[in-house]
Amino acid sequence: VASFFFIGLMSMMIPLCHVFGGLIAVCLFMGLFDGCFICIMAPIAFELVGAQNVSQAIGFLLGFMSIPMTVGPPIAGLLRDHLGTYDVAFYLAGVPPLIGGAILCFIPWVHERQKLKER
């Protein structure tokens, strides 16, 4: 959950980097938190679908992740053509991870409520 928040924040901080060292720092943190997300993807898939279907689940996850990665750059270019800057594209790229992290924060709460209802 924290990695999603930080990926979103780091995406939004890229336009604020006016010094090359700042950009390097943001990219390092972004890579670190993205690595955290990628590392937990396989254990979560294993827990959700079991050992027999884990490779297929990871394949589906990576397939779904490829859609925004394919569509995002042309949309960013379109925004740059209309607005003259990539800043808005970076700010918008940070919104989905922030929303995803916020949604993931509610999962333990929903899980506890379901346990209480079952009792």
PDB file of N, CA and C in Angstrom:
ATOM      1  N   VAL A   1       0.833  -1.188   0.000  1.00  0.00           N
ATOM      2  CA  VAL A   1       0.000   0.000   0.000  1.00  0.00           C
ATOM      3  C   VAL A   1       0.880   1.254   0.000  1.00  0.00           C
ATOM      4  N   ALA A   2       1.872   1.260   0.858  1.00  0.00           N
ATOM      5  CA  ALA A   2       2.749   2.435   0.934  1.00  0.00           C
ATOM      6  C   ALA A   2       3.510   2.634  -0.373  1.00  0.00           C
ATOM      7  N   SER A   3       3.863   1.524  -1.022  1.00  0.00           N
ATOM      8  CA  SER A   3       4.606   1.664  -2.281  1.00  0.00           C
ATOM      9  C   SER A   3       3.752   2.352  -3.339  1.00  0.00           C
ATOM     10  N   PHE A   4       2.438   2.060  -3.371  1.00  0.00           N
ATOM     11  CA  PHE A   4       1.560   2.737  -4.328  1.00  0.00           C
ATOM     12  C   PHE A   4       1.527   4.236  -4.066  1.00  0.00           C
ATOM     13  N   PHE A   5       1.363   4.617  -2.801  1.00  0.00           N
ATOM     14  CA  PHE A   5       1.332   6.040  -2.472  1.00  0.00           C
ATOM     15  C   PHE A   5       2.613   6.732  -2.925  1.00  0.00           C
ATOM     16  N   PHE A   6       3.747   6.117  -2.633  1.00  0.00           N
ATOM     17  CA  PHE A   6       5.012   6.754  -2.970  1.00  0.00           C
ATOM     18  C   PHE A   6       5.274   6.774  -4.469  1.00  0.00           C
ATOM     19  N   ILE A   7       4.826   5.756  -5.189  1.00  0.00           N
ATOM     20  CA  ILE A   7       4.961   5.787  -6.648  1.00  0.00           C
ATOM     21  C   ILE A   7       4.162   6.959  -7.212  1.00  0.00           C
ATOM     22  N   GLY A   8       2.936   7.140  -6.711  1.00  0.00           N
ATOM     23  CA  GLY A   8       2.113   8.267  -7.154  1.00  0.00           C
ATOM     24  C   GLY A   8       2.737   9.607  -6.806  1.00  0.00           C
ATOM     25  N   LEU A   9       3.234   9.720  -5.583  1.00  0.00           N
ATOM     26  CA  LEU A   9       3.863  10.978  -5.173  1.00  0.00           C
ATOM     27  C   LEU A   9       5.125  11.263  -5.977  1.00  0.00           C
ATOM     28  N   MET A  10       5.925  10.245  -6.211  1.00  0.00           N
ATOM     29  CA  MET A  10       7.154  10.449  -6.988  1.00  0.00           C
ATOM     30  C   MET A  10       6.838  10.851  -8.427  1.00  0.00           C
ATOM     31  N   SER A  11       5.781  10.279  -9.006  1.00  0.00           N
ATOM     32  CA  SER A  11       5.376  10.687 -10.359  1.00  0.00           C
ATOM     33  C   SER A  11       5.001  12.159 -10.390  1.00  0.00           C
ATOM     34  N   MET A  12       4.303  12.595  -9.358  1.00  0.00           N
ATOM     35  CA  MET A  12       3.873  13.984  -9.305  1.00  0.00           C
ATOM     36  C   MET A  12       5.024  14.938  -8.996  1.00  0.00           C
ATOM     37  N   MET A  13       6.101  14.426  -8.437  1.00  0.00           N
ATOM     38  CA  MET A  13       7.236  15.285  -8.095  1.00  0.00           C
ATOM     39  C   MET A  13       8.201  15.496  -9.257  1.00  0.00           C
ATOM     40  N   ILE A  14       8.096  14.700 -10.303  1.00  0.00           N
ATOM     41  CA  ILE A  14       9.026  14.833 -11.430  1.00  0.00           C
ATOM     42  C   ILE A  14       9.004  16.242 -12.030  1.00  0.00           C
ATOM     43  N   PRO A  15       7.838  16.855 -12.264  1.00  0.00           N
ATOM     44  CA  PRO A  15       7.868  18.218 -12.825  1.00  0.00           C
ATOM     45  C   PRO A  15       8.460  19.256 -11.873  1.00  0.00           C
ATOM     46  N   LEU A  16       8.520  18.933 -10.594  1.00  0.00           N
ATOM     47  CA  LEU A  16       9.049  19.878  -9.617  1.00  0.00           C
ATOM     48  C   LEU A  16      10.568  19.827  -9.515  1.00  0.00           C
ATOM     49  N   CYS A  17      11.184  18.869 -10.178  1.00  0.00           N
ATOM     50  CA  CYS A  17      12.648  18.720 -10.139  1.00  0.00           C
ATOM     51  C   CYS A  17      13.282  19.661 -11.159  1.00  0.00           C
ATOM     52  N   HIS A  18      13.944  20.675 -10.650  1.00  0.00           N
ATOM     53  CA  HIS A  18      14.609  21.630 -11.531  1.00  0.00           C
ATOM     54  C   HIS A  18      16.117  21.415 -11.559  1.00  0.00           C
ATOM     55  N   VAL A  19      16.597  20.468 -10.752  1.00  0.00           N
ATOM     56  CA  VAL A  19      18.017  20.129 -10.685  1.00  0.00           C
ATOM     57  C   VAL A  19      18.141  18.653 -11.029  1.00  0.00           C
ATOM     58  N   PHE A  20      19.168  18.301 -11.789  1.00  0.00           N
ATOM     59  CA  PHE A  20      19.336  16.917 -12.226  1.00  0.00           C
ATOM     60  C   PHE A  20      19.466  15.959 -11.039  1.00  0.00           C
ATOM     61  N   GLY A  21      20.111  16.372  -9.978  1.00  0.00           N
ATOM     62  CA  GLY A  21      20.240  15.532  -8.786  1.00  0.00           C
ATOM     63  C   GLY A  21      18.894  15.212  -8.159  1.00  0.00           C
ATOM     64  N   GLY A  22      17.986  16.175  -8.189  1.00  0.00           N
ATOM     65  CA  GLY A  22      16.635  15.938  -7.675  1.00  0.00           C
ATOM     66  C   GLY A  22      15.897  14.910  -8.504  1.00  0.00           C
ATOM     67  N   LEU A  23      16.067  14.990  -9.822  1.00  0.00           N
ATOM     68  CA  LEU A  23      15.434  14.018 -10.710  1.00  0.00           C
ATOM     69  C   LEU A  23      15.991  12.617 -10.462  1.00  0.00           C
ATOM     70  N   ILE A  24      17.294  12.526 -10.239  1.00  0.00           N
ATOM     71  CA  ILE A  24      17.898  11.227  -9.936  1.00  0.00           C
ATOM     72  C   ILE A  24      17.325  10.667  -8.636  1.00  0.00           C
ATOM     73  N   ALA A  25      17.194  11.502  -7.616  1.00  0.00           N
ATOM     74  CA  ALA A  25      16.648  11.050  -6.336  1.00  0.00           C
ATOM     75  C   ALA A  25      15.214  10.559  -6.496  1.00  0.00           C
ATOM     76  N   VAL A  26      14.396  11.309  -7.213  1.00  0.00           N
ATOM     77  CA  VAL A  26      13.005  10.905  -7.430  1.00  0.00           C
ATOM     78  C   VAL A  26      12.952   9.580  -8.177  1.00  0.00           C
ATOM     79  N   CYS A  27      13.769   9.441  -9.202  1.00  0.00           N
ATOM     80  CA  CYS A  27      13.770   8.192  -9.979  1.00  0.00           C
ATOM     81  C   CYS A  27      14.258   7.012  -9.151  1.00  0.00           C
ATOM     82  N   LEU A  28      15.247   7.228  -8.286  1.00  0.00           N
ATOM     83  CA  LEU A  28      15.718   6.148  -7.415  1.00  0.00           C
ATOM     84  C   LEU A  28      14.623   5.690  -6.456  1.00  0.00           C
ATOM     85  N   PHE A  29      13.943   6.646  -5.836  1.00  0.00           N
ATOM     86  CA  PHE A  29      12.854   6.283  -4.928  1.00  0.00           C
ATOM     87  C   PHE A  29      11.707   5.612  -5.678  1.00  0.00           C
ATOM     88  N   MET A  30      11.416   6.117  -6.855  1.00  0.00           N
ATOM     89  CA  MET A  30      10.347   5.523  -7.656  1.00  0.00           C
ATOM     90  C   MET A  30      10.695   4.080  -8.026  1.00  0.00           C
ATOM     91  N   GLY A  31      11.935   3.836  -8.402  1.00  0.00           N
ATOM     92  CA  GLY A  31      12.367   2.480  -8.713  1.00  0.00           C
ATOM     93  C   GLY A  31      12.331   1.573  -7.501  1.00  0.00           C
ATOM     94  N   LEU A  32      12.722   2.094  -6.352  1.00  0.00           N
ATOM     95  CA  LEU A  32      12.687   1.315  -5.116  1.00  0.00           C
ATOM     96  C   LEU A  32      11.265   0.878  -4.780  1.00  0.00           C
ATOM     97  N   PHE A  33      10.329   1.809  -4.820  1.00  0.00           N
ATOM     98  CA  PHE A  33       8.953   1.479  -4.464  1.00  0.00           C
ATOM     99  C   PHE A  33       8.275   0.636  -5.533  1.00  0.00           C
ATOM    100  N   ASP A  34       8.641   0.822  -6.793  1.00  0.00           N
ATOM    101  CA  ASP A  34       8.108  -0.037  -7.845  1.00  0.00           C
ATOM    102  C   ASP A  34       8.630  -1.461  -7.665  1.00  0.00           C
ATOM    103  N   GLY A  35       9.878  -1.591  -7.270  1.00  0.00           N
ATOM    104  CA  GLY A  35      10.430  -2.913  -6.986  1.00  0.00           C
ATOM    105  C   GLY A  35       9.710  -3.597  -5.839  1.00  0.00           C
ATOM    106  N   CYS A  36       9.334  -2.824  -4.821  1.00  0.00           N
ATOM    107  CA  CYS A  36       8.557  -3.391  -3.706  1.00  0.00           C
ATOM    108  C   CYS A  36       7.227  -3.932  -4.207  1.00  0.00           C
ATOM    109  N   PHE A  37       6.583  -3.195  -5.083  1.00  0.00           N
ATOM    110  CA  PHE A  37       5.298  -3.635  -5.632  1.00  0.00           C
ATOM    111  C   PHE A  37       5.465  -4.906  -6.455  1.00  0.00           C
ATOM    112  N   ILE A  38       6.469  -4.947  -7.308  1.00  0.00           N
ATOM    113  CA  ILE A  38       6.689  -6.112  -8.165  1.00  0.00           C
ATOM    114  C   ILE A  38       7.028  -7.342  -7.322  1.00  0.00           C
ATOM    115  N   CYS A  39       7.793  -7.154  -6.251  1.00  0.00           N
ATOM    116  CA  CYS A  39       8.181  -8.283  -5.392  1.00  0.00           C
ATOM    117  C   CYS A  39       6.996  -8.916  -4.679  1.00  0.00           C
ATOM    118  N   ILE A  40       6.003  -8.134  -4.318  1.00  0.00           N
ATOM    119  CA  ILE A  40       4.861  -8.719  -3.598  1.00  0.00           C
ATOM    120  C   ILE A  40       3.780  -9.240  -4.538  1.00  0.00           C
ATOM    121  N   MET A  41       3.928  -8.988  -5.831  1.00  0.00           N
ATOM    122  CA  MET A  41       2.905  -9.431  -6.783  1.00  0.00           C
ATOM    123  C   MET A  41       2.791 -10.953  -6.814  1.00  0.00           C
ATOM    124  N   ALA A  42       3.897 -11.675  -6.868  1.00  0.00           N
ATOM    125  CA  ALA A  42       3.855 -13.136  -6.950  1.00  0.00           C
ATOM    126  C   ALA A  42       3.287 -13.779  -5.684  1.00  0.00           C
ATOM    127  N   PRO A  43       3.716 -13.381  -4.482  1.00  0.00           N
ATOM    128  CA  PRO A  43       3.108 -13.995  -3.293  1.00  0.00           C
ATOM    129  C   PRO A  43       1.610 -13.730  -3.166  1.00  0.00           C
ATOM    130  N   ILE A  44       1.181 -12.549  -3.567  1.00  0.00           N
ATOM    131  CA  ILE A  44      -0.249 -12.251  -3.502  1.00  0.00           C
ATOM    132  C   ILE A  44      -1.009 -13.102  -4.506  1.00  0.00           C
ATOM    133  N   ALA A  45      -0.479 -13.228  -5.713  1.00  0.00           N
ATOM    134  CA  ALA A  45      -1.123 -14.086  -6.716  1.00  0.00           C
ATOM    135  C   ALA A  45      -1.162 -15.529  -6.236  1.00  0.00           C
ATOM    136  N   PHE A  46      -0.090 -15.990  -5.611  1.00  0.00           N
ATOM    137  CA  PHE A  46      -0.042 -17.356  -5.075  1.00  0.00           C
ATOM    138  C   PHE A  46      -1.124 -17.563  -4.024  1.00  0.00           C
ATOM    139  N   GLU A  47      -1.289 -16.575  -3.148  1.00  0.00           N
ATOM    140  CA  GLU A  47      -2.291 -16.680  -2.086  1.00  0.00           C
ATOM    141  C   GLU A  47      -3.714 -16.654  -2.642  1.00  0.00           C
ATOM    142  N   LEU A  48      -3.929 -15.873  -3.687  1.00  0.00           N
ATOM    143  CA  LEU A  48      -5.280 -15.732  -4.231  1.00  0.00           C
ATOM    144  C   LEU A  48      -5.715 -16.921  -5.075  1.00  0.00           C
ATOM    145  N   VAL A  49      -4.824 -17.457  -5.914  1.00  0.00           N
ATOM    146  CA  VAL A  49      -5.242 -18.491  -6.870  1.00  0.00           C
ATOM    147  C   VAL A  49      -4.599 -19.847  -6.630  1.00  0.00           C
ATOM    148  N   GLY A  50      -3.648 -19.943  -5.719  1.00  0.00           N
ATOM    149  CA  GLY A  50      -3.004 -21.218  -5.443  1.00  0.00           C
ATOM    150  C   GLY A  50      -1.809 -21.469  -6.340  1.00  0.00           C
ATOM    151  N   ALA A  51      -1.075 -22.518  -5.986  1.00  0.00           N
ATOM    152  CA  ALA A  51       0.182 -22.815  -6.675  1.00  0.00           C
ATOM    153  C   ALA A  51      -0.032 -23.220  -8.125  1.00  0.00           C
ATOM    154  N   GLN A  52      -1.147 -23.878  -8.400  1.00  0.00           N
ATOM    155  CA  GLN A  52      -1.369 -24.396  -9.744  1.00  0.00           C
ATOM    156  C   GLN A  52      -1.598 -23.291 -10.777  1.00  0.00           C
ATOM    157  N   ASN A  53      -2.222 -22.206 -10.377  1.00  0.00           N
ATOM    158  CA  ASN A  53      -2.593 -21.150 -11.322  1.00  0.00           C
ATOM    159  C   ASN A  53      -1.787 -19.866 -11.162  1.00  0.00           C
ATOM    160  N   VAL A  54      -0.722 -19.893 -10.357  1.00  0.00           N
ATOM    161  CA  VAL A  54      -0.003 -18.655 -10.069  1.00  0.00           C
ATOM    162  C   VAL A  54       0.662 -18.066 -11.312  1.00  0.00           C
ATOM    163  N   SER A  55       1.206 -18.899 -12.179  1.00  0.00           N
ATOM    164  CA  SER A  55       1.864 -18.345 -13.369  1.00  0.00           C
ATOM    165  C   SER A  55       0.858 -17.674 -14.296  1.00  0.00           C
ATOM    166  N   GLN A  56      -0.320 -18.258 -14.417  1.00  0.00           N
ATOM    167  CA  GLN A  56      -1.355 -17.645 -15.247  1.00  0.00           C
ATOM    168  C   GLN A  56      -1.841 -16.332 -14.625  1.00  0.00           C
ATOM    169  N   ALA A  57      -1.973 -16.295 -13.309  1.00  0.00           N
ATOM    170  CA  ALA A  57      -2.410 -15.069 -12.635  1.00  0.00           C
ATOM    171  C   ALA A  57      -1.391 -13.948 -12.820  1.00  0.00           C
ATOM    172  N   ILE A  58      -0.105 -14.272 -12.689  1.00  0.00           N
ATOM    173  CA  ILE A  58       0.930 -13.254 -12.886  1.00  0.00           C
ATOM    174  C   ILE A  58       0.922 -12.773 -14.334  1.00  0.00           C
ATOM    175  N   GLY A  59       0.701 -13.682 -15.260  1.00  0.00           N
ATOM    176  CA  GLY A  59       0.601 -13.290 -16.665  1.00  0.00           C
ATOM    177  C   GLY A  59      -0.546 -12.330 -16.915  1.00  0.00           C
ATOM    178  N   PHE A  60      -1.706 -12.615 -16.309  1.00  0.00           N
ATOM    179  CA  PHE A  60      -2.843 -11.703 -16.447  1.00  0.00           C
ATOM    180  C   PHE A  60      -2.530 -10.344 -15.827  1.00  0.00           C
ATOM    181  N   LEU A  61      -1.904 -10.342 -14.645  1.00  0.00           N
ATOM    182  CA  LEU A  61      -1.552  -9.077 -14.003  1.00  0.00           C
ATOM    183  C   LEU A  61      -0.618  -8.250 -14.880  1.00  0.00           C
ATOM    184  N   LEU A  62       0.411  -8.894 -15.410  1.00  0.00           N
ATOM    185  CA  LEU A  62       1.347  -8.169 -16.274  1.00  0.00           C
ATOM    186  C   LEU A  62       0.671  -7.715 -17.566  1.00  0.00           C
ATOM    187  N   GLY A  63      -0.249  -8.523 -18.077  1.00  0.00           N
ATOM    188  CA  GLY A  63      -0.999  -8.123 -19.268  1.00  0.00           C
ATOM    189  C   GLY A  63      -1.856  -6.897 -19.012  1.00  0.00           C
ATOM    190  N   PHE A  64      -2.535  -6.876 -17.860  1.00  0.00           N
ATOM    191  CA  PHE A  64      -3.346  -5.708 -17.527  1.00  0.00           C
ATOM    192  C   PHE A  64      -2.475  -4.488 -17.258  1.00  0.00           C
ATOM    193  N   MET A  65      -1.293  -4.699 -16.682  1.00  0.00           N
ATOM    194  CA  MET A  65      -0.388  -3.579 -16.425  1.00  0.00           C
ATOM    195  C   MET A  65       0.168  -2.999 -17.719  1.00  0.00           C
ATOM    196  N   SER A  66       0.215  -3.800 -18.770  1.00  0.00           N
ATOM    197  CA  SER A  66       0.779  -3.308 -20.031  1.00  0.00           C
ATOM    198  C   SER A  66      -0.154  -2.336 -20.751  1.00  0.00           C
ATOM    199  N   ILE A  67      -1.437  -2.390 -20.458  1.00  0.00           N
ATOM    200  CA  ILE A  67      -2.394  -1.514 -21.148  1.00  0.00           C
ATOM    201  C   ILE A  67      -2.103  -0.039 -20.858  1.00  0.00           C
ATOM    202  N   PRO A  68      -2.061   0.389 -19.587  1.00  0.00           N
ATOM    203  CA  PRO A  68      -1.749   1.808 -19.367  1.00  0.00           C
ATOM    204  C   PRO A  68      -0.329   2.182 -19.777  1.00  0.00           C
ATOM    205  N   MET A  69       0.590   1.213 -19.714  1.00  0.00           N
ATOM    206  CA  MET A  69       1.960   1.519 -20.134  1.00  0.00           C
ATOM    207  C   MET A  69       2.051   1.733 -21.640  1.00  0.00           C
ATOM    208  N   THR A  70       1.146   1.124 -22.384  1.00  0.00           N
ATOM    209  CA  THR A  70       1.122   1.291 -23.833  1.00  0.00           C
ATOM    210  C   THR A  70       0.353   2.544 -24.233  1.00  0.00           C
ATOM    211  N   VAL A  71      -0.737   2.813 -23.559  1.00  0.00           N
ATOM    212  CA  VAL A  71      -1.610   3.931 -23.917  1.00  0.00           C
ATOM    213  C   VAL A  71      -1.124   5.251 -23.308  1.00  0.00           C
ATOM    214  N   GLY A  72      -0.453   5.193 -22.168  1.00  0.00           N
ATOM    215  CA  GLY A  72      -0.045   6.400 -21.452  1.00  0.00           C
ATOM    216  C   GLY A  72       0.871   7.338 -22.215  1.00  0.00           C
ATOM    217  N   PRO A  73       1.962   6.858 -22.801  1.00  0.00           N
ATOM    218  CA  PRO A  73       2.863   7.786 -23.503  1.00  0.00           C
ATOM    219  C   PRO A  73       2.224   8.552 -24.659  1.00  0.00           C
ATOM    220  N   PRO A  74       1.390   7.924 -25.511  1.00  0.00           N
ATOM    221  CA  PRO A  74       0.742   8.748 -26.541  1.00  0.00           C
ATOM    222  C   PRO A  74      -0.209   9.797 -25.959  1.00  0.00           C
ATOM    223  N   ILE A  75      -0.875   9.452 -24.864  1.00  0.00           N
ATOM    224  CA  ILE A  75      -1.758  10.434 -24.222  1.00  0.00           C
ATOM    225  C   ILE A  75      -0.923  11.569 -23.637  1.00  0.00           C
ATOM    226  N   ALA A  76       0.222  11.233 -23.028  1.00  0.00           N
ATOM    227  CA  ALA A  76       1.114  12.272 -22.499  1.00  0.00           C
ATOM    228  C   ALA A  76       1.608  13.179 -23.623  1.00  0.00           C
ATOM    229  N   GLY A  77       1.925  12.602 -24.773  1.00  0.00           N
ATOM    230  CA  GLY A  77       2.342  13.405 -25.923  1.00  0.00           C
ATOM    231  C   GLY A  77       1.233  14.308 -26.419  1.00  0.00           C
ATOM    232  N   LEU A  78       0.012  13.803 -26.421  1.00  0.00           N
ATOM    233  CA  LEU A  78      -1.138  14.618 -26.824  1.00  0.00           C
ATOM    234  C   LEU A  78      -1.337  15.783 -25.859  1.00  0.00           C
ATOM    235  N   LEU A  79      -1.226  15.514 -24.562  1.00  0.00           N
ATOM    236  CA  LEU A  79      -1.335  16.593 -23.580  1.00  0.00           C
ATOM    237  C   LEU A  79      -0.224  17.625 -23.770  1.00  0.00           C
ATOM    238  N   ARG A  80       0.973  17.160 -24.072  1.00  0.00           N
ATOM    239  CA  ARG A  80       2.092  18.074 -24.293  1.00  0.00           C
ATOM    240  C   ARG A  80       1.860  18.931 -25.532  1.00  0.00           C
ATOM    241  N   ASP A  81       1.300  18.317 -26.580  1.00  0.00           N
ATOM    242  CA  ASP A  81       1.004  19.081 -27.795  1.00  0.00           C
ATOM    243  C   ASP A  81      -0.016  20.177 -27.524  1.00  0.00           C
ATOM    244  N   HIS A  82      -1.016  19.880 -26.705  1.00  0.00           N
ATOM    245  CA  HIS A  82      -2.073  20.864 -26.442  1.00  0.00           C
ATOM    246  C   HIS A  82      -1.687  21.888 -25.378  1.00  0.00           C
ATOM    247  N   LEU A  83      -0.922  21.454 -24.368  1.00  0.00           N
ATOM    248  CA  LEU A  83      -0.622  22.342 -23.248  1.00  0.00           C
ATOM    249  C   LEU A  83       0.789  22.921 -23.285  1.00  0.00           C
ATOM    250  N   GLY A  84       1.656  22.343 -24.101  1.00  0.00           N
ATOM    251  CA  GLY A  84       3.014  22.849 -24.209  1.00  0.00           C
ATOM    252  C   GLY A  84       3.960  22.373 -23.120  1.00  0.00           C
ATOM    253  N   THR A  85       3.516  21.487 -22.241  1.00  0.00           N
ATOM    254  CA  THR A  85       4.353  20.979 -21.155  1.00  0.00           C
ATOM    255  C   THR A  85       3.899  19.574 -20.770  1.00  0.00           C
ATOM    256  N   TYR A  86       4.830  18.809 -20.239  1.00  0.00           N
ATOM    257  CA  TYR A  86       4.505  17.459 -19.770  1.00  0.00           C
ATOM    258  C   TYR A  86       4.043  17.443 -18.314  1.00  0.00           C
ATOM    259  N   ASP A  87       4.025  18.579 -17.659  1.00  0.00           N
ATOM    260  CA  ASP A  87       3.713  18.622 -16.230  1.00  0.00           C
ATOM    261  C   ASP A  87       2.381  17.964 -15.901  1.00  0.00           C
ATOM    262  N   VAL A  88       1.347  18.297 -16.646  1.00  0.00           N
ATOM    263  CA  VAL A  88       0.014  17.742 -16.381  1.00  0.00           C
ATOM    264  C   VAL A  88       0.027  16.227 -16.546  1.00  0.00           C
ATOM    265  N   ALA A  89       0.765  15.730 -17.523  1.00  0.00           N
ATOM    266  CA  ALA A  89       0.840  14.282 -17.735  1.00  0.00           C
ATOM    267  C   ALA A  89       1.449  13.590 -16.519  1.00  0.00           C
ATOM    268  N   PHE A  90       2.493  14.171 -15.936  1.00  0.00           N
ATOM    269  CA  PHE A  90       3.100  13.568 -14.750  1.00  0.00           C
ATOM    270  C   PHE A  90       2.171  13.655 -13.547  1.00  0.00           C
ATOM    271  N   TYR A  91       1.457  14.769 -13.412  1.00  0.00           N
ATOM    272  CA  TYR A  91       0.507  14.881 -12.303  1.00  0.00           C
ATOM    273  C   TYR A  91      -0.617  13.858 -12.453  1.00  0.00           C
ATOM    274  N   LEU A  92      -1.122  13.710 -13.672  1.00  0.00           N
ATOM    275  CA  LEU A  92      -2.187  12.734 -13.904  1.00  0.00           C
ATOM    276  C   LEU A  92      -1.686  11.300 -13.740  1.00  0.00           C
ATOM    277  N   ALA A  93      -0.431  11.046 -14.075  1.00  0.00           N
ATOM    278  CA  ALA A  93       0.128   9.701 -13.912  1.00  0.00           C
ATOM    279  C   ALA A  93       0.238   9.319 -12.439  1.00  0.00           C
ATOM    280  N   GLY A  94       0.318  10.289 -11.561  1.00  0.00           N
ATOM    281  CA  GLY A  94       0.399  10.002 -10.134  1.00  0.00           C
ATOM    282  C   GLY A  94      -0.931   9.730  -9.477  1.00  0.00           C
ATOM    283  N   VAL A  95      -2.025  10.094 -10.129  1.00  0.00           N
ATOM    284  CA  VAL A  95      -3.345   9.935  -9.516  1.00  0.00           C
ATOM    285  C   VAL A  95      -3.760   8.466  -9.364  1.00  0.00           C
ATOM    286  N   PRO A  96      -3.670   7.618 -10.393  1.00  0.00           N
ATOM    287  CA  PRO A  96      -4.113   6.221 -10.212  1.00  0.00           C
ATOM    288  C   PRO A  96      -3.392   5.463  -9.098  1.00  0.00           C
ATOM    289  N   PRO A  97      -2.057   5.580  -8.946  1.00  0.00           N
ATOM    290  CA  PRO A  97      -1.450   4.888  -7.806  1.00  0.00           C
ATOM    291  C   PRO A  97      -1.933   5.412  -6.456  1.00  0.00           C
ATOM    292  N   LEU A  98      -2.177   6.714  -6.367  1.00  0.00           N
ATOM    293  CA  LEU A  98      -2.698   7.257  -5.113  1.00  0.00           C
ATOM    294  C   LEU A  98      -4.091   6.714  -4.816  1.00  0.00           C
ATOM    295  N   ILE A  99      -4.937   6.663  -5.827  1.00  0.00           N
ATOM    296  CA  ILE A  99      -6.285   6.115  -5.643  1.00  0.00           C
ATOM    297  C   ILE A  99      -6.208   4.628  -5.317  1.00  0.00           C
ATOM    298  N   GLY A 100      -5.342   3.897  -6.034  1.00  0.00           N
ATOM    299  CA  GLY A 100      -5.180   2.467  -5.762  1.00  0.00           C
ATOM    300  C   GLY A 100      -4.697   2.211  -4.349  1.00  0.00           C
ATOM    301  N   GLY A 101      -3.744   3.006  -3.884  1.00  0.00           N
ATOM    302  CA  GLY A 101      -3.269   2.866  -2.510  1.00  0.00           C
ATOM    303  C   GLY A 101      -4.353   3.170  -1.498  1.00  0.00           C
ATOM    304  N   ALA A 102      -5.175   4.185  -1.783  1.00  0.00           N
ATOM    305  CA  ALA A 102      -6.278   4.514  -0.876  1.00  0.00           C
ATOM    306  C   ALA A 102      -7.296   3.382  -0.820  1.00  0.00           C
ATOM    307  N   ILE A 103      -7.596   2.791  -1.960  1.00  0.00           N
ATOM    308  CA  ILE A 103      -8.544   1.674  -1.989  1.00  0.00           C
ATOM    309  C   ILE A 103      -7.976   0.480  -1.230  1.00  0.00           C
ATOM    310  N   LEU A 104      -6.685   0.210  -1.408  1.00  0.00           N
ATOM    311  CA  LEU A 104      -6.060  -0.911  -0.710  1.00  0.00           C
ATOM    312  C   LEU A 104      -6.065  -0.723   0.801  1.00  0.00           C
ATOM    313  N   CYS A 105      -6.081   0.517   1.263  1.00  0.00           N
ATOM    314  CA  CYS A 105      -6.143   0.771   2.701  1.00  0.00           C
ATOM    315  C   CYS A 105      -7.450   0.282   3.313  1.00  0.00           C
ATOM    316  N   PHE A 106      -8.500   0.230   2.521  1.00  0.00           N
ATOM    317  CA  PHE A 106      -9.797  -0.190   3.035  1.00  0.00           C
ATOM    318  C   PHE A 106      -9.970  -1.705   3.075  1.00  0.00           C
ATOM    319  N   ILE A 107      -9.104  -2.456   2.425  1.00  0.00           N
ATOM    320  CA  ILE A 107      -9.263  -3.909   2.366  1.00  0.00           C
ATOM    321  C   ILE A 107      -9.241  -4.550   3.753  1.00  0.00           C
ATOM    322  N   PRO A 108      -8.296  -4.215   4.642  1.00  0.00           N
ATOM    323  CA  PRO A 108      -8.353  -4.832   5.979  1.00  0.00           C
ATOM    324  C   PRO A 108      -9.639  -4.504   6.726  1.00  0.00           C
ATOM    325  N   TRP A 109     -10.116  -3.286   6.575  1.00  0.00           N
ATOM    326  CA  TRP A 109     -11.354  -2.886   7.246  1.00  0.00           C
ATOM    327  C   TRP A 109     -12.534  -3.695   6.728  1.00  0.00           C
ATOM    328  N   VAL A 110     -12.640  -3.844   5.406  1.00  0.00           N
ATOM    329  CA  VAL A 110     -13.722  -4.634   4.804  1.00  0.00           C
ATOM    330  C   VAL A 110     -13.591  -6.095   5.214  1.00  0.00           C
ATOM    331  N   HIS A 111     -12.379  -6.599   5.247  1.00  0.00           N
ATOM    332  CA  HIS A 111     -12.149  -7.992   5.641  1.00  0.00           C
ATOM    333  C   HIS A 111     -12.602  -8.234   7.077  1.00  0.00           C
ATOM    334  N   GLU A 112     -12.303  -7.318   7.976  1.00  0.00           N
ATOM    335  CA  GLU A 112     -12.740  -7.445   9.370  1.00  0.00           C
ATOM    336  C   GLU A 112     -14.255  -7.383   9.487  1.00  0.00           C
ATOM    337  N   ARG A 113     -14.882  -6.520   8.718  1.00  0.00           N
ATOM    338  CA  ARG A 113     -16.351  -6.436   8.754  1.00  0.00           C
ATOM    339  C   ARG A 113     -16.978  -7.732   8.269  1.00  0.00           C
ATOM    340  N   GLN A 114     -16.392  -8.339   7.236  1.00  0.00           N
ATOM    341  CA  GLN A 114     -16.919  -9.613   6.745  1.00  0.00           C
ATOM    342  C   GLN A 114     -16.755 -10.707   7.787  1.00  0.00           C
ATOM    343  N   LYS A 115     -15.642 -10.705   8.504  1.00  0.00           N
ATOM    344  CA  LYS A 115     -15.441 -11.690   9.564  1.00  0.00           C
ATOM    345  C   LYS A 115     -16.477 -11.522  10.665  1.00  0.00           C
ATOM    346  N   LEU A 116     -16.761 -10.264  11.025  1.00  0.00           N
ATOM    347  CA  LEU A 116     -17.756 -10.011  12.064  1.00  0.00           C
ATOM    348  C   LEU A 116     -19.148 -10.446  11.628  1.00  0.00           C
ATOM    349  N   LYS A 117     -19.491 -10.254  10.369  1.00  0.00           N
ATOM    350  CA  LYS A 117     -20.798 -10.674   9.860  1.00  0.00           C
ATOM    351  C   LYS A 117     -20.933 -12.187   9.847  1.00  0.00           C
ATOM    352  N   GLU A 118     -19.819 -12.894   9.588  1.00  0.00           N
ATOM    353  CA  GLU A 118     -19.861 -14.349   9.547  1.00  0.00           C
ATOM    354  C   GLU A 118     -20.057 -14.944  10.931  1.00  0.00           C
ATOM    355  N   ARG A 119     -19.647 -14.237  11.965  1.00  0.00           N
ATOM    356  CA  ARG A 119     -19.798 -14.734  13.339  1.00  0.00           C
ATOM    357  C   ARG A 119     -21.190 -14.550  13.764  1.00  0.00           C
TER     358      ARG A 119
END
